[in-house]
């Protein structure tokens, strides 16, 4: 158990950041799923529009520290590759 005031504050701060970061990851996953569903349906226009929304969300996730840079790059690369395969 935390004894110092700083440690107690750190616990409060970590709990708050966990909620924010969880929401951020959930938002990114939602955008990725929209893109994947459009790709599965074969709707190239909708998939391209969804992919355009996914890219900045992934980049923001990297900037905020909830995703590793390579993880975001891999996800975006796979989605882009799947989109180009529809052509």
Protein backbone atom coordinates (compact mmCIF):
# COMPACT_ATOMS: atom_id res chain seq x y z
CA UNK A 1 0.00 0.00 0.00
CA UNK A 2 1.17 3.50 -0.79
CA UNK A 3 2.47 5.43 2.19
CA UNK A 4 3.75 8.70 0.78
CA UNK A 5 1.48 11.44 -0.57
CA UNK A 6 3.25 11.24 -3.93
CA UNK A 7 2.60 7.51 -4.21
CA UNK A 8 -1.07 8.03 -3.35
CA UNK A 9 -1.34 10.73 -5.99
CA UNK A 10 0.37 8.42 -8.50
CA UNK A 11 -2.26 5.75 -7.89
CA UNK A 12 -5.06 8.26 -8.51
CA UNK A 13 -3.35 9.55 -11.66
CA UNK A 14 -2.72 6.06 -13.03
CA UNK A 15 -6.36 5.10 -12.51
CA UNK A 16 -7.52 8.18 -14.42
CA UNK A 17 -5.05 7.62 -17.28
CA UNK A 18 -6.07 3.96 -17.53
CA UNK A 19 -9.64 5.02 -18.25
CA UNK A 20 -8.59 7.60 -20.85
CA UNK A 21 -6.18 5.22 -22.58
CA UNK A 22 -8.75 2.41 -22.58
CA UNK A 23 -11.26 4.67 -24.29
CA UNK A 24 -8.62 5.72 -26.81
CA UNK A 25 -7.75 2.10 -27.68
CA UNK A 26 -11.46 1.24 -27.96
CA UNK A 27 -12.00 4.13 -30.36
CA UNK A 28 -9.11 2.98 -32.56
CA UNK A 29 -10.39 -0.60 -32.56
CA UNK A 30 -13.82 0.65 -33.67
CA UNK A 31 -12.30 2.46 -36.65
CA UNK A 32 -10.22 -0.61 -37.58
CA UNK A 33 -13.31 -2.85 -37.38
CA UNK A 34 -15.28 -0.50 -39.64
CA UNK A 35 -12.50 -0.75 -42.21
CA UNK A 36 -12.25 -4.54 -41.88
CA UNK A 37 -16.02 -4.94 -42.25
CA UNK A 38 -16.03 -2.81 -45.40
CA UNK A 39 -13.16 -4.90 -46.79
CA UNK A 40 -14.98 -8.13 -45.96
CA UNK A 41 -18.13 -6.85 -47.68
CA UNK A 42 -16.06 -5.98 -50.75
CA UNK A 43 -17.13 -2.34 -50.74
CA UNK A 44 -14.01 -0.61 -52.00
CA UNK A 45 -15.26 2.96 -51.66
CA UNK A 46 -16.42 2.49 -48.08
CA UNK A 47 -13.19 0.67 -47.22
CA UNK A 48 -11.10 3.48 -48.69
CA UNK A 49 -13.07 6.06 -46.69
CA UNK A 50 -12.72 3.98 -43.52
CA UNK A 51 -9.00 3.55 -44.12
CA UNK A 52 -8.64 7.32 -44.41
CA UNK A 53 -10.16 7.58 -40.93
CA UNK A 54 -8.05 4.77 -39.47
CA UNK A 55 -4.66 6.25 -40.36
CA UNK A 56 -4.84 9.43 -38.24
CA UNK A 57 -6.41 7.53 -35.35
CA UNK A 58 -3.56 5.02 -35.35
CA UNK A 59 -1.02 7.84 -35.58
CA UNK A 60 -2.68 9.60 -32.65
CA UNK A 61 -2.56 6.38 -30.65
CA UNK A 62 1.17 6.17 -31.26
CA UNK A 63 1.66 9.82 -30.31
CA UNK A 64 -0.29 9.34 -27.08
CA UNK A 65 1.64 6.20 -26.22
CA UNK A 66 -1.14 3.60 -26.29
CA UNK A 67 0.29 1.75 -29.31
CA UNK A 68 3.82 0.98 -30.35
CA UNK A 69 4.88 2.60 -33.62
CA UNK A 70 5.46 -0.75 -35.32
CA UNK A 71 2.06 -2.07 -34.21
CA UNK A 72 0.26 0.85 -35.82
CA UNK A 73 2.41 0.55 -38.93
CA UNK A 74 1.64 -3.17 -39.22
CA UNK A 75 -2.11 -2.66 -38.81
CA UNK A 76 -2.21 0.13 -41.39
CA UNK A 77 -0.04 -1.83 -43.80
CA UNK A 78 -2.26 -4.91 -43.63
CA UNK A 79 -5.42 -2.85 -44.14
CA UNK A 80 -3.85 -1.03 -47.10
CA UNK A 81 -2.72 -4.32 -48.64
CA UNK A 82 -6.21 -5.80 -48.26
CA UNK A 83 -7.73 -2.70 -49.87
CA UNK A 84 -5.41 -2.89 -52.86
CA UNK A 85 -6.23 -6.59 -53.23
CA UNK A 86 -9.89 -5.67 -53.82
CA UNK A 87 -8.98 -3.89 -57.06
